[in-house]
Amino acid sequence: MFEQLGDRLDGVFRGLKSRGVLTAPMLREALREVRRALLEADVNFLVVKDFLKRVEERALGEAVLKSIRPGDQVVNILHDELFAVLGGDGGATIRESAVPPTVIMLVGLQGSGKTTTAAKLARRLSGEGRRPTLVACDPYRPAAGDQLVSLAESIDVPVVHDPDEQDVVRLAVGAIDTARREGRTHVLLDTAGRLQADELLMRELADLKAAAKPDETLFVADGMMGQEAVRIAQGFDEAIDVSGVVLTKMDGDARGGAALSIHGVLGVPVKFVGTGERTEDLTAFDAERMAGRILQMGDIVGLVEKAQQTIDPETTRQFEKKVLGGEQFDLEDFLQAIAQIQKMGPLENMLKMIPGVKPKMVPGAEVDPKRIRHMEAIVLSMTPTERKRPEILNGSRRARIARGSGRPVAEVNRLLKQFQEMRKMMKRMGKLAPRLAAGGDLSSMLQ
C-alpha cells in the first residue's frame, strides 16, 4: 500500500533536503513532481489541487524559506496537509448506541469484500470484549449466507442466516430484537452487493436502513478501484447517507487514490482498512500514521499493535524468561519463533512499518512463504532430542533429516548455521539484560 507513491515522494523530498537554500521556483518545481505522483496514484484531481494550494501557501512563507533546514520544514507541512486530506482526527471509532445493541450496516458493490469485512469487524469487536452478532442480509447471492456462516464459525461469533427468508427488512429487525434480548452488544448487517444505479435494490437498502436504524452505515470500497471507488461511494452516500468507509484489498497493488480522495470528496471518515484475507487483517484507520507511511516515516505504533493482536502473550513470556534467565535457546524455541512471526504476515510488510527501513535494504525480506514451510519441515524431521541438542547433529543425522523433510542437505546445513547465529545473539542478550535493567548504556555494551 502506497509503496510506489512513497518512493516517488521520497525522491522529491531527498532533492528538497539536499538544498541548503530553497527558493520559490525550486519549491514550485518540487510541488509539480508531487502533483504528478499523486495523480499517477489515482488521487482525485480536485483533492490534489486543493491539497497543493494549501501546501504552497504555507511553504512559501518567509519563515520556511529562510529557515536553517527549509527542506525539512516543507516535508513537515506536507505531512500536516496529508493528515488533513486523510480525515485528520476523524478517528476510526464506531459510533456506539446509547442502548445496545449498536447496529452496523455494511453496504457496497458485489465483490468489494463486505462479507469478509463483516467477519473481520466482528472478530475485532470480540477481541475488545464485545458480544457481536452477524446477520446475513443477502438473499440474492446463493453462497453469501454460507460464506458468512463459515466465517462466523471460524471466529466463534453467532450468525443469523435464514435462506428461506427473502424479506431482508423483516430478517434484520428480528435479528436486532433477538440480539437485544440476548444482551448482544453489536449487530452487523451484511447486505447484498448492488450497483448505485439499481433503483430497486437501492430502495430496498433505504427501507432496510429506515427499519434497522443503524448507528453506522459503512460503505465497503475496493481500494484497488481508485477514483472509481470514490464515485461509487458518492452514489451510495446520496441514496442512503453513509457514515464511514472501509477500504479493502489495500495489501495488493492499490495505488492509494481511494484512501487519499474519499474524505475530501465525501466528507466522511475512513474507519478501517483491510490489509489481507485473514479475519485478523483489519486495521483501524489512523490519518496521522497513514500520512507517516505515505511519506515513508514508518508506523511503529501499527507494528506494535499488530504484534499484540497476533503473538501469543504466554509464549512470549516463556521465551523472554528463557532468554533473560540465561537458558539455552534450542530448535524448539526456533520453531515457535517461526510460528509467531508467520502470524504477523509477510516480513516485507512488517519492515515497511519501521521508519527509514525499506524491504529491499534487508536481505531475505521478500522471503517466499515456501521457504518458511521448508524450515519448519526440516526442524519437524528432527527428534525431540536433536531439537534440544542440535550440537549432536553429525553428517549421518543431517542426511536423515534431509530425506525426512524432502530438502537438500545443504539447506539443512544453512538452517543450522542461521540457528547458531541466532543462539549467539540470544545468549548475548541474556548477558546484557541485567546491565540494561541497572541503567547501563546499550551502545557501550555492544562495543
Protein backbone atom coordinates (compact mmCIF):
# COMPACT_ATOMS: atom_id res chain seq x y z
CA MET A 1 0.00 0.00 0.00
CA PHE A 2 1.32 3.42 -1.09
CA GLU A 3 4.72 1.89 -1.93
CA GLN A 4 5.02 3.41 -5.41
CA LEU A 5 3.66 6.77 -4.24
CA GLY A 6 6.01 6.72 -1.24
CA ASP A 7 9.03 6.01 -3.44
CA ARG A 8 8.12 8.87 -5.80
CA LEU A 9 7.63 11.34 -2.95
CA ASP A 10 10.81 10.14 -1.23
CA GLY A 11 12.79 11.12 -4.33
CA VAL A 12 11.26 14.61 -4.27
CA PHE A 13 11.99 15.04 -0.56
CA ARG A 14 15.62 13.98 -0.92
CA GLY A 15 16.04 16.71 -3.51
CA LEU A 16 14.48 19.29 -1.21
CA LYS A 17 16.51 18.26 1.84
CA SER A 18 19.80 18.31 -0.07
CA ARG A 19 19.49 22.05 -0.74
CA GLY A 20 20.84 24.46 1.82
CA VAL A 21 18.79 27.24 0.25
CA LEU A 22 15.26 26.80 -1.08
CA THR A 23 13.77 29.38 -3.45
CA ALA A 24 10.16 29.77 -4.57
CA PRO A 25 10.90 28.40 -8.11
CA MET A 26 12.64 25.33 -6.57
CA LEU A 27 9.65 24.72 -4.30
CA ARG A 28 7.14 25.03 -7.14
CA GLU A 29 9.12 22.56 -9.25
CA ALA A 30 9.13 20.08 -6.36
CA LEU A 31 5.39 20.51 -5.88
CA ARG A 32 4.83 19.84 -9.59
CA GLU A 33 6.56 16.48 -9.04
CA VAL A 34 4.33 15.85 -6.02
CA ARG A 35 1.30 16.67 -8.16
CA ARG A 36 2.36 14.18 -10.85
CA ALA A 37 2.96 11.49 -8.22
CA LEU A 38 -0.47 11.99 -6.65
CA LEU A 39 -2.31 11.96 -9.97
CA GLU A 40 -0.47 8.79 -11.02
CA ALA A 41 -1.63 7.26 -7.72
CA ASP A 42 -5.19 7.94 -8.96
CA VAL A 43 -5.98 10.64 -6.41
CA ASN A 44 -8.95 12.84 -7.31
CA PHE A 45 -7.63 15.87 -9.22
CA LEU A 46 -9.74 18.35 -7.21
CA VAL A 47 -8.35 16.91 -3.98
CA VAL A 48 -4.81 17.20 -5.40
CA LYS A 49 -5.40 20.81 -6.50
CA ASP A 50 -6.74 21.89 -3.10
CA PHE A 51 -4.01 19.97 -1.23
CA LEU A 52 -1.11 21.54 -3.18
CA LYS A 53 -2.63 25.01 -2.93
CA ARG A 54 -2.59 24.79 0.86
CA VAL A 55 0.94 23.34 0.91
CA GLU A 56 2.28 26.07 -1.37
CA GLU A 57 0.64 28.86 0.65
CA ARG A 58 2.23 27.58 3.85
CA ALA A 59 5.59 26.63 2.36
CA LEU A 60 6.15 29.95 0.61
CA GLY A 61 6.07 31.74 3.94
CA GLU A 62 9.23 33.71 4.64
CA ALA A 63 9.92 31.76 7.86
CA VAL A 64 10.05 28.48 5.92
CA LEU A 65 12.27 29.56 3.02
CA LYS A 66 14.68 31.32 5.37
CA SER A 67 14.84 28.56 7.95
CA ILE A 68 18.07 26.63 8.55
CA ARG A 69 16.58 23.43 7.06
CA PRO A 70 13.83 24.54 4.66
CA GLY A 71 13.51 21.08 3.07
CA ASP A 72 12.57 19.51 6.41
CA GLN A 73 10.07 22.29 7.03
CA VAL A 74 8.35 21.62 3.70
CA VAL A 75 8.16 17.87 4.41
CA ASN A 76 6.54 18.64 7.78
CA ILE A 77 3.98 20.86 6.03
CA LEU A 78 3.25 18.08 3.52
CA HIS A 79 2.75 15.66 6.41
CA ASP A 80 0.31 18.03 8.15
CA GLU A 81 -1.71 18.58 4.97
CA LEU A 82 -1.76 14.86 4.14
CA PHE A 83 -3.07 14.29 7.65
CA ALA A 84 -5.91 16.72 6.90
CA VAL A 85 -6.67 15.16 3.49
CA LEU A 86 -6.92 11.73 5.11
CA GLY A 87 -9.51 12.96 7.59
CA GLY A 88 -7.46 14.42 10.44
CA ASP A 89 -8.73 13.43 13.86
CA GLY A 90 -11.94 11.97 12.43
CA GLY A 91 -10.90 8.67 14.01
CA ALA A 92 -11.85 5.08 13.33
CA THR A 93 -14.10 4.66 16.34
CA ILE A 94 -17.51 3.08 15.90
CA ARG A 95 -20.42 5.32 16.83
CA GLU A 96 -21.98 3.43 19.74
CA SER A 97 -25.69 3.29 20.53
CA ALA A 98 -26.76 4.64 23.92
CA VAL A 99 -28.89 1.49 24.30
CA PRO A 100 -27.31 -1.76 23.00
CA PRO A 101 -27.08 -3.28 20.55
CA THR A 102 -25.13 -0.95 18.27
CA VAL A 103 -26.26 -1.69 14.70
CA ILE A 104 -23.71 -1.52 11.87
CA MET A 105 -24.87 -1.88 8.26
CA LEU A 106 -22.27 -2.72 5.61
CA VAL A 107 -23.07 -1.71 2.02
CA GLY A 108 -21.27 -1.64 -1.31
CA LEU A 109 -20.76 -3.33 -4.65
CA GLN A 110 -20.76 -7.09 -5.08
CA GLY A 111 -17.20 -8.39 -4.72
CA SER A 112 -15.96 -5.41 -2.68
CA GLY A 113 -15.37 -7.61 0.38
CA LYS A 114 -18.43 -6.84 2.55
CA THR A 115 -18.90 -10.37 3.92
CA THR A 116 -15.24 -10.80 4.82
CA THR A 117 -15.17 -7.29 6.31
CA ALA A 118 -18.24 -8.08 8.44
CA ALA A 119 -16.43 -11.10 9.89
CA LYS A 120 -13.22 -9.13 10.41
CA LEU A 121 -15.08 -6.39 12.26
CA ALA A 122 -16.91 -8.97 14.38
CA ARG A 123 -13.59 -10.59 15.28
CA ARG A 124 -12.14 -7.20 16.22
CA LEU A 125 -15.14 -6.40 18.43
CA SER A 126 -14.92 -9.82 20.11
CA GLY A 127 -11.24 -9.19 20.84
CA GLU A 128 -12.27 -5.96 22.61
CA GLY A 129 -14.62 -7.88 24.89
CA ARG A 130 -17.80 -7.08 22.96
CA ARG A 131 -20.51 -9.59 22.00
CA PRO A 132 -21.37 -9.13 18.30
CA THR A 133 -23.87 -10.98 16.11
CA LEU A 134 -23.59 -11.30 12.34
CA VAL A 135 -26.69 -11.20 10.13
CA ALA A 136 -26.77 -12.48 6.52
CA CYS A 137 -28.93 -9.95 4.67
CA ASP A 138 -28.13 -11.10 1.14
CA PRO A 139 -30.88 -13.29 -0.36
CA TYR A 140 -29.58 -12.86 -3.91
CA ARG A 141 -26.12 -14.43 -3.89
CA PRO A 142 -26.62 -18.14 -3.07
CA ALA A 143 -23.27 -18.63 -1.34
CA ALA A 144 -23.28 -15.34 0.59
CA GLY A 145 -25.04 -16.70 3.67
CA ASP A 146 -23.00 -19.90 3.70
CA GLN A 147 -19.78 -17.86 3.46
CA LEU A 148 -20.81 -15.71 6.43
CA VAL A 149 -21.77 -18.80 8.45
CA SER A 150 -18.37 -20.37 7.74
CA LEU A 151 -16.51 -17.19 8.72
CA ALA A 152 -18.63 -16.80 11.86
CA GLU A 153 -17.77 -20.33 12.96
CA SER A 154 -14.05 -19.65 12.47
CA ILE A 155 -14.19 -16.65 14.84
CA ASP A 156 -16.77 -18.15 17.24
CA VAL A 157 -19.40 -15.44 16.68
CA PRO A 158 -23.15 -16.21 16.37
CA VAL A 159 -24.78 -15.64 12.99
CA VAL A 160 -28.39 -15.23 11.84
CA HIS A 161 -28.97 -16.87 8.47
CA ASP A 162 -32.36 -17.90 7.07
CA PRO A 163 -32.06 -18.96 3.40
CA ASP A 164 -35.88 -19.13 3.11
CA GLU A 165 -36.39 -15.50 4.21
CA GLN A 166 -36.38 -13.12 1.22
CA ASP A 167 -37.54 -10.06 3.17
CA VAL A 168 -34.25 -8.61 4.47
CA VAL A 169 -36.05 -5.90 6.47
CA ARG A 170 -38.04 -8.48 8.47
CA LEU A 171 -34.91 -10.63 8.90
CA ALA A 172 -32.77 -7.72 10.15
CA VAL A 173 -35.39 -6.31 12.53
CA GLY A 174 -35.98 -9.77 14.00
CA ALA A 175 -32.24 -10.33 14.45
CA ILE A 176 -31.84 -6.98 16.21
CA ASP A 177 -34.74 -7.73 18.59
CA THR A 178 -33.24 -11.14 19.40
CA ALA A 179 -29.78 -9.61 19.95
CA ARG A 180 -31.31 -7.06 22.35
CA ARG A 181 -32.99 -9.81 24.40
CA GLU A 182 -29.79 -11.87 24.48
CA GLY A 183 -27.64 -8.95 25.60
CA ARG A 184 -25.55 -8.77 22.44
CA THR A 185 -23.60 -5.51 22.11
CA HIS A 186 -23.36 -5.22 18.31
CA VAL A 187 -25.33 -6.40 15.28
CA LEU A 188 -23.54 -6.39 11.91
CA LEU A 189 -25.80 -6.46 8.85
CA ASP A 190 -24.06 -7.94 5.80
CA THR A 191 -26.17 -6.61 2.91
CA ALA A 192 -26.25 -7.75 -0.70
CA GLY A 193 -23.89 -6.15 -3.19
CA ARG A 194 -25.58 -3.78 -5.62
CA LEU A 195 -24.88 -1.01 -8.13
CA GLN A 196 -25.74 2.50 -7.04
CA ALA A 197 -27.68 2.89 -10.31
CA ASP A 198 -30.02 -0.03 -9.48
CA GLU A 199 -33.05 1.92 -8.19
CA LEU A 200 -34.97 -1.13 -6.96
CA LEU A 201 -32.11 -2.52 -4.87
CA MET A 202 -31.13 0.91 -3.59
CA ARG A 203 -34.73 1.43 -2.46
CA GLU A 204 -34.52 -1.88 -0.60
CA LEU A 205 -31.36 -0.64 1.11
CA ALA A 206 -33.08 2.61 2.08
CA ASP A 207 -36.02 0.63 3.53
CA LEU A 208 -33.62 -1.58 5.48
CA LYS A 209 -31.85 1.46 6.89
CA ALA A 210 -35.16 3.10 7.87
CA ALA A 211 -36.28 -0.04 9.71
CA ALA A 212 -32.97 -1.10 11.31
CA LYS A 213 -31.91 2.45 12.23
CA PRO A 214 -28.16 1.62 12.11
CA ASP A 215 -25.75 3.65 14.20
CA GLU A 216 -23.17 3.23 11.43
CA THR A 217 -23.68 2.76 7.69
CA LEU A 218 -20.29 1.74 6.37
CA PHE A 219 -19.55 1.74 2.65
CA VAL A 220 -17.10 -1.08 1.85
CA ALA A 221 -14.90 0.01 -1.07
CA ASP A 222 -12.39 -1.97 -3.10
CA GLY A 223 -9.24 0.14 -2.66
CA MET A 224 -7.84 -1.12 -5.95
CA MET A 225 -10.58 0.74 -7.85
CA GLY A 226 -9.07 4.13 -7.04
CA GLN A 227 -11.22 7.09 -8.05
CA GLU A 228 -13.95 4.79 -9.35
CA ALA A 229 -14.49 3.61 -5.77
CA VAL A 230 -14.95 7.24 -4.73
CA ARG A 231 -17.51 7.86 -7.49
CA ILE A 232 -19.49 4.77 -6.47
CA ALA A 233 -19.31 5.81 -2.80
CA GLN A 234 -20.83 9.16 -3.78
CA GLY A 235 -23.80 7.36 -5.33
CA PHE A 236 -24.41 5.34 -2.16
CA ASP A 237 -23.99 8.43 0.01
CA GLU A 238 -26.60 10.35 -1.96
CA ALA A 239 -29.04 7.43 -1.68
CA ILE A 240 -28.63 6.32 1.95
CA ASP A 241 -26.20 8.76 3.63
CA VAL A 242 -23.14 6.67 4.59
CA SER A 243 -21.38 7.48 7.86
CA GLY A 244 -17.94 5.98 7.11
CA VAL A 245 -15.85 3.91 4.73
CA VAL A 246 -13.91 0.64 4.96
CA LEU A 247 -11.21 0.24 2.30
CA THR A 248 -10.45 -3.36 1.35
CA LYS A 249 -7.66 -5.05 -0.64
CA MET A 250 -5.14 -2.42 0.41
CA ASP A 251 -2.42 -5.06 0.73
CA GLY A 252 -2.12 -5.55 -3.04
CA ASP A 253 -1.24 -3.14 -5.81
CA ALA A 254 -3.58 -0.41 -4.58
CA ARG A 255 -2.11 2.94 -5.53
CA GLY A 256 -3.80 4.78 -2.68
CA GLY A 257 -6.08 7.02 -4.71
CA ALA A 258 -9.24 5.96 -2.90
CA ALA A 259 -7.75 6.45 0.59
CA LEU A 260 -6.43 9.90 -0.32
CA SER A 261 -9.59 11.04 -2.11
CA ILE A 262 -12.58 9.67 -0.26
CA HIS A 263 -12.63 12.02 2.74
CA GLY A 264 -12.05 15.10 0.58
CA VAL A 265 -14.88 14.15 -1.78
CA LEU A 266 -17.45 12.66 0.63
CA GLY A 267 -16.53 14.36 3.88
CA VAL A 268 -16.91 11.09 5.82
CA PRO A 269 -14.05 9.29 7.60
CA VAL A 270 -12.30 6.13 6.54
CA LYS A 271 -12.90 3.89 9.56
CA PHE A 272 -10.94 0.73 8.75
CA VAL A 273 -8.56 -0.71 6.19
CA GLY A 274 -8.45 -4.34 5.08
CA THR A 275 -4.85 -5.49 4.65
CA GLY A 276 -5.20 -9.18 3.86
CA GLU A 277 -7.54 -12.15 3.54
CA ARG A 278 -7.38 -13.37 7.15
CA THR A 279 -10.06 -12.35 9.65
CA GLU A 280 -7.42 -10.54 11.73
CA ASP A 281 -6.34 -8.39 8.76
CA LEU A 282 -8.42 -5.32 9.58
CA THR A 283 -6.65 -2.18 10.77
CA ALA A 284 -8.20 0.88 12.39
CA PHE A 285 -7.57 3.81 10.07
CA ASP A 286 -5.37 6.48 11.63
CA ALA A 287 -4.71 9.55 9.49
CA GLU A 288 -1.55 10.50 11.39
CA ARG A 289 0.04 7.09 10.96
CA MET A 290 -1.15 6.73 7.36
CA ALA A 291 0.40 10.08 6.44
CA GLY A 292 3.65 8.88 8.02
CA ARG A 293 3.59 5.68 5.98
CA ILE A 294 2.96 7.56 2.72
CA LEU A 295 5.94 9.80 3.48
CA GLN A 296 7.96 6.68 4.44
CA MET A 297 8.23 7.73 8.07
CA GLY A 298 7.08 4.26 9.17
CA ASP A 299 4.35 3.16 11.58
CA ILE A 300 5.90 1.75 14.74
CA VAL A 301 2.60 2.06 16.65
CA GLY A 302 0.88 -0.04 14.00
CA LEU A 303 3.64 -2.65 14.15
CA VAL A 304 3.34 -2.93 17.93
CA GLU A 305 -0.45 -3.22 17.71
CA LYS A 306 -0.13 -5.96 15.09
CA ALA A 307 2.26 -7.86 17.34
CA GLN A 308 -0.09 -7.52 20.32
CA GLN A 309 -3.03 -8.82 18.29
CA THR A 310 -1.29 -11.84 16.77
CA ILE A 311 1.50 -13.02 19.07
CA ASP A 312 0.56 -15.31 21.94
CA PRO A 313 1.49 -13.46 25.19
CA GLU A 314 2.13 -16.68 27.14
CA THR A 315 4.62 -17.92 24.52
CA THR A 316 6.30 -14.51 24.59
CA ARG A 317 6.61 -14.58 28.38
CA GLN A 318 8.15 -18.05 28.35
CA PHE A 319 10.58 -17.05 25.62
CA GLU A 320 11.58 -13.87 27.47
CA LYS A 321 12.05 -15.80 30.72
CA LYS A 322 14.30 -18.29 28.96
CA VAL A 323 16.47 -15.65 27.28
CA LEU A 324 16.79 -13.38 30.33
CA GLY A 325 17.39 -16.38 32.59
CA GLY A 326 20.38 -17.42 30.50
CA GLU A 327 18.84 -20.72 29.39
CA GLN A 328 19.96 -22.32 26.14
CA PHE A 329 17.94 -21.32 23.08
CA ASP A 330 17.08 -24.52 21.17
CA LEU A 331 15.39 -25.54 17.92
CA GLU A 332 12.03 -25.99 19.68
CA ASP A 333 12.19 -22.27 20.51
CA PHE A 334 13.29 -21.58 16.93
CA LEU A 335 10.21 -23.41 15.64
CA GLN A 336 7.92 -21.43 17.97
CA ALA A 337 9.55 -18.16 16.86
CA ILE A 338 8.88 -19.02 13.21
CA ALA A 339 5.22 -19.75 14.01
CA GLN A 340 4.80 -16.44 15.87
CA ILE A 341 6.39 -14.43 13.04
CA GLN A 342 4.18 -16.16 10.47
CA LYS A 343 1.10 -14.99 12.36
CA MET A 344 2.10 -11.36 11.76
CA GLY A 345 2.17 -11.81 7.99
CA PRO A 346 4.94 -11.29 5.42
CA LEU A 347 8.23 -9.93 6.77
CA GLU A 348 8.28 -7.46 3.88
CA ASN A 349 5.05 -5.83 5.14
CA MET A 350 6.41 -5.54 8.69
CA LEU A 351 9.62 -3.87 7.53
CA LYS A 352 7.60 -1.19 5.72
CA MET A 353 6.30 -0.10 9.13
CA ILE A 354 9.78 0.62 10.52
CA PRO A 355 10.96 4.23 9.95
CA GLY A 356 13.83 4.54 7.48
CA VAL A 357 13.79 0.86 6.51
CA LYS A 358 12.78 -0.44 3.09
CA PRO A 359 12.38 -4.17 2.41
CA LYS A 360 14.94 -4.06 -0.41
CA MET A 361 17.52 -2.84 2.13
CA VAL A 362 17.17 -6.07 4.15
CA PRO A 363 18.44 -9.33 2.61
CA GLY A 364 15.78 -12.03 2.72
CA ALA A 365 12.91 -9.61 3.41
CA GLU A 366 11.00 -10.83 0.38
CA VAL A 367 11.13 -14.40 1.57
CA ASP A 368 8.95 -16.87 -0.28
CA PRO A 369 6.46 -18.34 2.25
CA LYS A 370 7.51 -21.76 0.93
CA ARG A 371 10.95 -21.26 2.47
CA ILE A 372 9.37 -20.81 5.89
CA ARG A 373 7.47 -24.07 5.41
CA HIS A 374 10.70 -25.77 4.32
CA MET A 375 12.40 -24.60 7.53
CA GLU A 376 9.51 -25.99 9.56
CA ALA A 377 9.72 -29.31 7.71
CA ILE A 378 13.44 -29.60 8.47
CA VAL A 379 13.02 -28.93 12.21
CA LEU A 380 9.99 -31.24 12.44
CA SER A 381 12.05 -34.03 10.84
CA MET A 382 14.38 -33.97 13.85
CA THR A 383 13.85 -36.00 17.00
CA PRO A 384 12.96 -34.10 20.22
CA THR A 385 16.49 -34.77 21.48
CA GLU A 386 18.05 -33.32 18.30
CA ARG A 387 15.94 -30.17 18.63
CA LYS A 388 17.05 -29.75 22.23
CA ARG A 389 20.73 -30.56 21.47
CA PRO A 390 21.49 -29.52 17.86
CA GLU A 391 25.23 -29.96 18.54
CA ILE A 392 24.77 -33.74 18.15
CA LEU A 393 23.67 -33.35 14.51
CA ASN A 394 26.51 -35.07 12.66
CA GLY A 395 26.64 -35.86 8.96
CA SER A 396 24.50 -39.01 9.03
CA ARG A 397 21.81 -37.35 11.16
CA ARG A 398 21.70 -34.36 8.80
CA ALA A 399 21.35 -36.69 5.81
CA ARG A 400 18.42 -38.46 7.52
CA ILE A 401 16.74 -35.10 8.32
CA ALA A 402 17.20 -34.02 4.70
CA ARG A 403 15.49 -37.19 3.47
CA GLY A 404 12.68 -36.83 6.00
CA SER A 405 11.96 -33.21 5.11
CA GLY A 406 12.45 -33.62 1.36
CA ARG A 407 15.07 -30.84 1.35
CA PRO A 408 18.75 -30.98 0.29
CA VAL A 409 21.46 -31.44 2.93
CA ALA A 410 22.87 -28.00 2.01
CA GLU A 411 19.57 -26.42 3.09
CA VAL A 412 19.68 -28.29 6.41
CA ASN A 413 23.25 -27.02 6.97
CA ARG A 414 22.23 -23.46 6.11
CA LEU A 415 19.35 -23.53 8.59
CA LEU A 416 21.59 -24.85 11.37
CA LYS A 417 24.13 -22.11 10.66
CA GLN A 418 21.42 -19.44 10.88
CA PHE A 419 20.20 -21.01 14.11
CA GLN A 420 23.69 -20.91 15.66
CA GLU A 421 23.95 -17.20 14.85
CA MET A 422 20.57 -16.58 16.46
CA ARG A 423 21.58 -18.61 19.51
CA LYS A 424 24.72 -16.46 19.96
CA MET A 425 22.62 -13.32 19.74
CA MET A 426 20.14 -14.61 22.32
CA LYS A 427 22.96 -15.57 24.67
CA ARG A 428 24.43 -12.09 24.40
CA MET A 429 21.03 -10.51 25.06
CA GLY A 430 20.69 -12.63 28.20
CA LYS A 431 24.04 -11.31 29.49
CA LEU A 432 23.17 -7.69 28.67
CA ALA A 433 19.71 -7.76 30.29
CA PRO A 434 20.86 -7.30 33.94
CA ARG A 435 23.12 -4.40 32.97
CA LEU A 436 20.34 -2.74 30.98
CA ALA A 437 17.96 -3.17 33.92
CA ALA A 438 20.54 -1.44 36.12
CA GLY A 439 20.59 1.54 33.76
CA GLY A 440 23.63 0.64 31.66
CA ASP A 441 24.31 2.19 28.26
CA LEU A 442 23.49 -0.22 25.40
CA SER A 443 25.92 1.33 22.92
CA SER A 444 28.91 0.88 25.25
CA MET A 445 27.92 -2.72 25.99
CA LEU A 446 27.86 -3.64 22.32
CA GLN A 447 31.36 -2.31 21.63
